[in-house]
Amino acid sequence: MMAKTGLIGLIAFLIGLMALVYTNTSASTQPVSLNHASWFDLKERLPESYQQERTKFRGFVAHDSGLYFLIVAKPGNGQEFMIVHTDLNGRLLKRILMPGERESTARRSILEMSVDDNGNCYVLQTIKDSSGRRVEFLVYDRSGNARNTLAVSEIVQTFCLKAESLWYLSDNNELRQMVTSPMPNTRRLEIPQLKNISDVFPKIFPLPGNRIAVLDGVSAQLYVIDQVSSDTQVFSLLQLPEVRRSWESYPTETRGPAAGNGGRVQFARAQIITGLSATPEGDIYLTISGIPFGEGAVVLRIDQQGNLVRSLRCVLPTLETRRSADNPEGYAGSFGLIGTTGSYLFVAGADGDVLSYQR
């Protein structure tokens, strides 16, 4: 009898323990609302000619040395390109005016920016002229001086910096490692799993140790690659409720892989994940599309296996001047650019709004 009573007690204890674990796990992944700690409009820090609707923000990096913005503007004939560096409160530190289209007949496209540990800025650009197409990385030092130009012989979709290497994904979805010091040298990695990712929003970023990662923002697949052995793990982020909700908010015909074209799978253009920031510790922050402004900017913190660590709702301020038929409450947005540094999470919009939150 005593043994039976003890067994019943043990079972009750285990059930209670399981319930406690379930409760704590569920609570940890429930959405958490964050109010902004600061808010500024970057356009107000720019020359008057750049304070117009045609000025767009293409890239954003939150760094120990401040915030970096990659800007494309059309204040006159031909596009102009600029890097703006501010402190964490939006105070202007410097502006770097890059070669634009006024200086020549060449067509330039500025695609992406990254900042290394020393504050040097790397900008990916393509140039089309009568001689063909060129792809280059422009390098500017911490003072804003042009330092170097690194040429590559293929189209680059996305890139990141890690230690002394520049990693990029080619237009054929092939992974490259360019060692930038002391002399440029490129290593090719064969990663078959990358062949079918979308060309709408692939994003490459560093992880701790000998790992590099690629995120496909359309299919919501995370690829974690061992940069020594090339072993690759693939994780689907569609397991996350917010990602699944975004996926399902788009018409069926616009999501997922469509018919192949010339051996390569072509994806429709429903971009589920619009922004990404990885911390030195290996946490990954994502911004999700397809969620109403009233719920805030949806930011997910995940681990390196694609598991949800924290779900954030960054509350958006409202402005009378932002009211429209599509946005009757006048929420500031939409925010597809994201960055993390220290204890702060930053979200930025293509029109120049920048908000910070304590993460």
Protein backbone atom coordinates (compact mmCIF):
# COMPACT_ATOMS: atom_id res chain seq x y z
CA MET A 1 0.00 0.00 0.00
CA MET A 2 2.80 2.38 0.93
CA ALA A 3 4.59 1.55 -2.33
CA LYS A 4 1.42 2.26 -4.29
CA THR A 5 0.94 5.59 -2.48
CA GLY A 6 4.56 6.49 -3.19
CA LEU A 7 4.14 5.67 -6.87
CA ILE A 8 1.01 7.84 -7.08
CA GLY A 9 2.88 10.66 -5.39
CA LEU A 10 5.79 10.33 -7.82
CA ILE A 11 3.42 10.42 -10.81
CA ALA A 12 1.66 13.51 -9.43
CA PHE A 13 5.05 15.19 -8.92
CA LEU A 14 6.14 14.44 -12.49
CA ILE A 15 2.85 15.73 -13.92
CA GLY A 16 3.23 18.93 -11.90
CA LEU A 17 6.83 19.33 -13.07
CA MET A 18 5.81 18.87 -16.70
CA ALA A 19 3.04 21.44 -16.29
CA LEU A 20 5.50 23.89 -14.78
CA VAL A 21 7.98 23.42 -17.63
CA TYR A 22 5.17 23.82 -20.19
CA THR A 23 3.91 26.98 -18.46
CA ASN A 24 7.39 28.54 -18.32
CA THR A 25 8.13 27.61 -21.94
CA SER A 26 4.80 29.01 -23.13
CA ALA A 27 5.28 32.21 -21.13
CA SER A 28 8.77 32.73 -22.55
CA THR A 29 7.47 32.71 -26.12
CA GLN A 30 4.37 34.83 -25.58
CA PRO A 31 4.61 38.18 -27.44
CA VAL A 32 6.17 40.98 -25.37
CA SER A 33 5.27 44.61 -26.11
CA LEU A 34 8.10 47.15 -26.10
CA ASN A 35 7.68 50.93 -26.07
CA HIS A 36 10.28 52.93 -27.96
CA ALA A 37 13.08 54.54 -25.96
CA SER A 38 13.88 57.08 -28.69
CA TRP A 39 12.63 58.14 -32.11
CA PHE A 40 14.08 60.41 -34.78
CA ASP A 41 13.60 61.17 -38.46
CA LEU A 42 16.94 60.80 -40.20
CA LYS A 43 15.86 62.99 -43.13
CA GLU A 44 15.93 65.96 -40.77
CA ARG A 45 19.69 65.38 -40.43
CA LEU A 46 20.23 65.56 -44.20
CA PRO A 47 20.68 68.50 -46.57
CA GLU A 48 17.38 70.03 -47.64
CA SER A 49 17.65 68.58 -51.15
CA TYR A 50 17.54 65.08 -49.66
CA GLN A 51 14.40 65.68 -47.59
CA GLN A 52 11.96 64.38 -50.15
CA GLU A 53 9.98 61.25 -50.91
CA ARG A 54 12.46 60.05 -53.51
CA THR A 55 15.16 59.65 -50.85
CA LYS A 56 15.16 56.03 -49.69
CA PHE A 57 17.13 54.08 -47.13
CA ARG A 58 18.59 50.86 -48.57
CA GLY A 59 20.80 49.65 -45.77
CA PHE A 60 21.18 49.98 -42.02
CA VAL A 61 23.83 48.77 -39.55
CA ALA A 62 23.80 49.25 -35.77
CA HIS A 63 27.40 49.18 -34.54
CA ASP A 64 29.41 49.89 -31.40
CA SER A 65 30.54 53.14 -33.04
CA GLY A 66 27.00 54.27 -33.92
CA LEU A 67 24.34 53.86 -36.60
CA TYR A 68 25.15 53.65 -40.32
CA PHE A 69 22.59 54.29 -43.06
CA LEU A 70 22.94 53.62 -46.80
CA ILE A 71 20.88 56.20 -48.69
CA VAL A 72 19.83 56.45 -52.34
CA ALA A 73 18.53 59.86 -53.41
CA LYS A 74 17.39 61.57 -56.58
CA PRO A 75 17.58 65.28 -55.72
CA GLY A 76 18.21 66.10 -59.39
CA ASN A 77 19.15 64.24 -62.54
CA GLY A 78 20.83 60.93 -61.73
CA GLN A 79 20.91 59.04 -58.47
CA GLU A 80 23.19 60.01 -55.60
CA PHE A 81 24.49 57.67 -52.92
CA MET A 82 25.46 58.48 -49.37
CA ILE A 83 26.49 56.82 -46.12
CA VAL A 84 25.25 58.66 -43.03
CA HIS A 85 26.85 57.90 -39.67
CA THR A 86 25.12 59.01 -36.45
CA ASP A 87 25.50 58.24 -32.78
CA LEU A 88 22.91 56.01 -31.12
CA ASN A 89 20.68 59.04 -30.49
CA GLY A 90 20.70 60.17 -34.12
CA ARG A 91 23.27 62.99 -33.78
CA LEU A 92 25.06 63.35 -37.10
CA LEU A 93 28.73 62.33 -36.99
CA LYS A 94 29.61 62.26 -40.69
CA ARG A 95 28.29 61.93 -44.23
CA ILE A 96 30.15 60.08 -46.97
CA LEU A 97 29.07 61.03 -50.48
CA MET A 98 29.87 58.13 -52.82
CA PRO A 99 30.29 58.31 -56.59
CA GLY A 100 26.90 58.95 -58.16
CA GLU A 101 25.47 58.97 -61.66
CA ARG A 102 26.10 62.63 -62.34
CA GLU A 103 29.83 62.05 -62.72
CA SER A 104 29.49 59.74 -65.73
CA THR A 105 27.08 58.04 -68.10
CA ALA A 106 27.41 54.77 -66.17
CA ARG A 107 24.40 53.33 -64.35
CA ARG A 108 25.18 52.54 -60.72
CA SER A 109 23.28 50.41 -58.24
CA ILE A 110 24.12 50.45 -54.55
CA LEU A 111 22.90 47.18 -53.07
CA GLU A 112 24.12 46.54 -49.53
CA MET A 113 26.42 47.78 -46.77
CA SER A 114 28.32 46.23 -43.88
CA VAL A 115 30.66 47.63 -41.20
CA ASP A 116 33.65 45.77 -39.78
CA ASP A 117 34.90 45.73 -36.18
CA ASN A 118 37.09 48.79 -36.82
CA GLY A 119 34.30 50.93 -38.24
CA ASN A 120 35.31 50.55 -41.91
CA CYS A 121 32.30 50.60 -44.27
CA TYR A 122 31.99 48.13 -47.16
CA VAL A 123 29.43 48.93 -49.87
CA LEU A 124 28.40 46.60 -52.68
CA GLN A 125 27.80 48.32 -56.02
CA THR A 126 27.26 47.33 -59.64
CA ILE A 127 28.16 49.57 -62.58
CA LYS A 128 26.81 49.25 -66.10
CA ASP A 129 28.42 51.18 -68.93
CA SER A 130 29.42 50.72 -72.57
CA SER A 131 32.09 48.19 -71.58
CA GLY A 132 29.68 45.93 -69.69
CA ARG A 133 28.93 45.32 -66.05
CA ARG A 134 31.32 45.56 -63.10
CA VAL A 135 30.79 44.50 -59.48
CA GLU A 136 32.82 46.19 -56.76
CA PHE A 137 33.07 46.60 -53.02
CA LEU A 138 33.85 50.18 -52.04
CA VAL A 139 35.71 50.46 -48.72
CA TYR A 140 35.69 53.62 -46.58
CA ASP A 141 37.68 53.98 -43.36
CA ARG A 142 36.29 55.19 -40.04
CA SER A 143 37.06 58.79 -40.97
CA GLY A 144 35.08 58.52 -44.18
CA ASN A 145 38.03 58.39 -46.58
CA ALA A 146 37.96 56.07 -49.62
CA ARG A 147 40.34 53.27 -48.67
CA ASN A 148 40.05 50.55 -51.28
CA THR A 149 38.01 49.05 -54.13
CA LEU A 150 37.65 45.28 -54.34
CA ALA A 151 36.53 43.97 -57.74
CA VAL A 152 34.79 40.62 -58.23
CA SER A 153 34.10 38.81 -61.50
CA GLU A 154 30.48 37.76 -60.83
CA ILE A 155 27.17 39.18 -59.68
CA VAL A 156 26.84 39.35 -55.88
CA GLN A 157 23.44 39.02 -54.18
CA THR A 158 24.43 39.55 -50.55
CA PHE A 159 27.58 39.72 -48.43
CA CYS A 160 28.86 39.93 -44.86
CA LEU A 161 32.13 40.46 -43.02
CA LYS A 162 33.75 38.01 -40.61
CA ALA A 163 37.26 38.46 -39.22
CA GLU A 164 39.56 39.10 -42.21
CA SER A 165 37.12 37.64 -44.74
CA LEU A 166 34.34 38.97 -46.90
CA TRP A 167 31.70 36.30 -47.57
CA TYR A 168 29.24 36.60 -50.43
CA LEU A 169 26.56 34.71 -52.32
CA SER A 170 26.83 34.82 -56.11
CA ASP A 171 23.90 35.11 -58.51
CA ASN A 172 24.21 31.33 -59.04
CA ASN A 173 23.68 30.85 -55.29
CA GLU A 174 27.29 29.79 -54.82
CA LEU A 175 29.11 30.71 -51.61
CA ARG A 176 32.43 32.57 -51.75
CA GLN A 177 34.99 33.56 -49.14
CA MET A 178 37.20 36.49 -50.12
CA VAL A 179 40.17 36.94 -47.80
CA THR A 180 40.78 40.69 -47.87
CA SER A 181 44.16 40.84 -46.11
CA PRO A 182 47.00 40.90 -46.93
CA MET A 183 46.00 40.20 -50.56
CA PRO A 184 42.51 39.48 -51.93
CA ASN A 185 42.03 35.75 -52.47
CA THR A 186 38.72 34.00 -53.16
CA ARG A 187 37.73 30.51 -52.02
CA ARG A 188 34.70 28.71 -53.47
CA LEU A 189 32.49 26.51 -51.29
CA GLU A 190 30.18 23.91 -52.80
CA ILE A 191 26.87 24.03 -50.93
CA PRO A 192 24.22 22.11 -52.94
CA GLN A 193 21.46 23.07 -50.50
CA LEU A 194 21.74 26.73 -51.55
CA LYS A 195 20.95 26.12 -55.22
CA ASN A 196 17.20 26.61 -54.92
CA ILE A 197 16.94 29.65 -52.67
CA SER A 198 15.06 32.74 -53.84
CA ASP A 199 16.84 35.75 -55.33
CA VAL A 200 14.34 38.17 -53.72
CA PHE A 201 15.80 38.37 -50.21
CA PRO A 202 18.72 36.07 -49.52
CA LYS A 203 20.82 37.35 -46.62
CA ILE A 204 24.20 36.05 -45.51
CA PHE A 205 25.49 36.73 -42.00
CA PRO A 206 28.18 35.49 -39.58
CA LEU A 207 27.65 33.21 -36.60
CA PRO A 208 30.10 32.45 -33.76
CA GLY A 209 32.81 29.88 -34.33
CA ASN A 210 33.33 28.34 -37.75
CA ARG A 211 29.82 29.01 -38.97
CA ILE A 212 28.20 31.22 -41.55
CA ALA A 213 24.47 31.40 -42.28
CA VAL A 214 22.17 32.23 -45.18
CA LEU A 215 18.52 33.16 -44.75
CA ASP A 216 15.97 32.92 -47.55
CA GLY A 217 13.37 35.56 -46.76
CA VAL A 218 10.79 34.14 -49.18
CA SER A 219 10.76 30.44 -48.26
CA ALA A 220 11.79 31.24 -44.63
CA GLN A 221 14.60 28.67 -44.69
CA LEU A 222 17.71 29.12 -42.54
CA TYR A 223 20.95 27.49 -43.75
CA VAL A 224 23.76 27.12 -41.20
CA ILE A 225 27.08 26.24 -42.84
CA ASP A 226 30.34 24.98 -41.37
CA GLN A 227 32.87 27.16 -43.16
CA VAL A 228 35.61 24.53 -42.81
CA SER A 229 33.82 21.30 -43.79
CA SER A 230 30.91 22.88 -45.77
CA ASP A 231 28.47 20.70 -43.81
CA THR A 232 25.07 22.41 -43.94
CA GLN A 233 22.00 22.26 -41.71
CA VAL A 234 18.64 23.55 -42.94
CA PHE A 235 15.91 24.80 -40.60
CA SER A 236 12.42 25.89 -41.62
CA LEU A 237 11.19 29.03 -39.85
CA LEU A 238 7.62 28.26 -40.95
CA GLN A 239 7.35 26.39 -37.65
CA LEU A 240 7.19 29.78 -35.90
CA PRO A 241 3.61 31.06 -35.50
CA GLU A 242 4.33 34.62 -36.66
CA VAL A 243 6.23 33.44 -39.71
CA ARG A 244 3.45 31.00 -40.58
CA ARG A 245 0.89 33.79 -40.12
CA SER A 246 2.82 36.07 -42.48
CA TRP A 247 3.13 33.24 -45.01
CA GLU A 248 -0.61 32.59 -44.89
CA SER A 249 -1.46 36.30 -45.23
CA TYR A 250 -0.30 36.25 -48.87
CA PRO A 251 -2.32 34.75 -51.72
CA THR A 252 -1.42 31.12 -52.33
CA GLU A 253 -0.10 31.82 -55.83
CA THR A 254 2.46 34.34 -54.52
CA ARG A 255 4.24 32.21 -51.94
CA GLY A 256 6.60 29.28 -52.05
CA PRO A 257 8.49 27.81 -55.00
CA ALA A 258 6.99 28.20 -58.46
CA ALA A 259 7.87 26.36 -61.66
CA GLY A 260 11.53 25.84 -62.42
CA ASN A 261 13.24 27.90 -65.09
CA GLY A 262 16.38 26.57 -66.73
CA GLY A 263 17.05 24.17 -63.87
CA ARG A 264 16.77 26.78 -61.14
CA VAL A 265 13.68 27.08 -58.96
CA GLN A 266 12.05 30.50 -59.25
CA PHE A 267 10.16 31.90 -56.28
CA ALA A 268 7.28 34.32 -56.23
CA ARG A 269 7.90 37.69 -54.61
CA ALA A 270 6.03 37.40 -51.31
CA GLN A 271 8.83 38.39 -48.92
CA ILE A 272 8.01 37.10 -45.46
CA ILE A 273 11.19 38.14 -43.63
CA THR A 274 12.17 41.73 -44.42
CA GLY A 275 15.12 42.40 -42.13
CA LEU A 276 17.77 40.58 -40.12
CA SER A 277 20.38 41.34 -37.49
CA ALA A 278 22.72 38.84 -35.81
CA THR A 279 24.46 39.51 -32.50
CA PRO A 280 28.05 38.48 -31.70
CA GLU A 281 26.61 35.88 -29.30
CA GLY A 282 24.70 34.21 -32.14
CA ASP A 283 21.15 35.45 -31.52
CA ILE A 284 19.23 36.30 -34.69
CA TYR A 285 16.60 39.06 -34.86
CA LEU A 286 14.08 39.06 -37.71
CA THR A 287 11.40 41.50 -38.87
CA ILE A 288 8.24 39.94 -40.30
CA SER A 289 5.95 41.33 -43.01
CA GLY A 290 2.19 41.01 -43.41
CA ILE A 291 1.28 42.04 -39.82
CA PRO A 292 -1.01 45.09 -39.26
CA PHE A 293 0.74 48.27 -38.03
CA GLY A 294 -1.52 48.30 -34.99
CA GLU A 295 0.28 45.24 -33.64
CA GLY A 296 3.61 47.03 -33.89
CA ALA A 297 6.77 46.05 -35.70
CA VAL A 298 6.97 42.27 -35.22
CA VAL A 299 10.50 41.20 -34.29
CA LEU A 300 11.46 37.61 -33.55
CA ARG A 301 14.56 36.58 -31.68
CA ILE A 302 15.58 33.05 -32.66
CA ASP A 303 18.53 30.79 -31.95
CA GLN A 304 20.87 29.21 -34.49
CA GLN A 305 18.53 26.24 -35.00
CA GLY A 306 15.57 28.47 -35.83
CA ASN A 307 13.86 28.05 -32.46
CA LEU A 308 11.89 30.97 -31.06
CA VAL A 309 13.57 32.60 -28.05
CA ARG A 310 11.44 35.74 -27.77
CA SER A 311 8.60 37.32 -29.73
CA LEU A 312 8.57 41.13 -29.61
CA ARG A 313 5.96 43.71 -30.59
CA CYS A 314 7.69 47.05 -31.00
CA VAL A 315 4.90 49.59 -30.44
CA LEU A 316 4.82 52.19 -33.21
CA PRO A 317 4.11 55.90 -32.60
CA THR A 318 1.38 57.69 -34.55
CA LEU A 319 1.42 60.97 -36.46
CA GLU A 320 -1.40 62.97 -37.94
CA THR A 321 0.65 63.53 -41.09
CA ARG A 322 0.93 59.75 -41.65
CA ARG A 323 -2.81 59.13 -41.86
CA SER A 324 -3.97 57.61 -45.13
CA ALA A 325 -6.56 55.19 -46.48
CA ASP A 326 -4.14 52.30 -45.92
CA ASN A 327 -2.96 53.66 -42.55
CA PRO A 328 -5.92 55.51 -40.97
CA GLU A 329 -4.33 55.61 -37.49
CA GLY A 330 -1.15 57.25 -38.84
CA TYR A 331 1.37 54.70 -37.56
CA ALA A 332 5.02 55.40 -38.32
CA GLY A 333 6.25 52.58 -40.56
CA SER A 334 6.81 50.38 -42.31
CA PHE A 335 9.97 49.09 -40.70
CA GLY A 336 11.99 46.53 -42.60
CA LEU A 337 15.50 47.50 -41.46
CA ILE A 338 16.79 46.23 -38.13
CA GLY A 339 19.97 46.41 -36.07
CA THR A 340 21.21 45.50 -32.59
CA THR A 341 24.04 46.86 -30.50
CA GLY A 342 24.56 46.70 -26.76
CA SER A 343 21.18 46.46 -25.02
CA TYR A 344 19.33 48.25 -27.84
CA LEU A 345 17.24 47.05 -30.73
CA PHE A 346 16.77 49.52 -33.59
CA VAL A 347 14.14 49.39 -36.31
CA ALA A 348 14.28 51.76 -39.27
CA GLY A 349 11.96 52.46 -42.16
CA ALA A 350 12.76 53.09 -45.80
CA ASP A 351 11.49 56.67 -45.38
CA GLY A 352 13.88 57.59 -42.56
CA ASP A 353 12.08 56.88 -39.27
CA VAL A 354 14.37 55.28 -36.67
CA LEU A 355 13.16 53.88 -33.34
CA SER A 356 15.12 52.28 -30.54
CA TYR A 357 13.89 49.78 -27.94
CA GLN A 358 15.50 48.20 -24.90
CA ARG A 359 15.83 44.52 -25.79
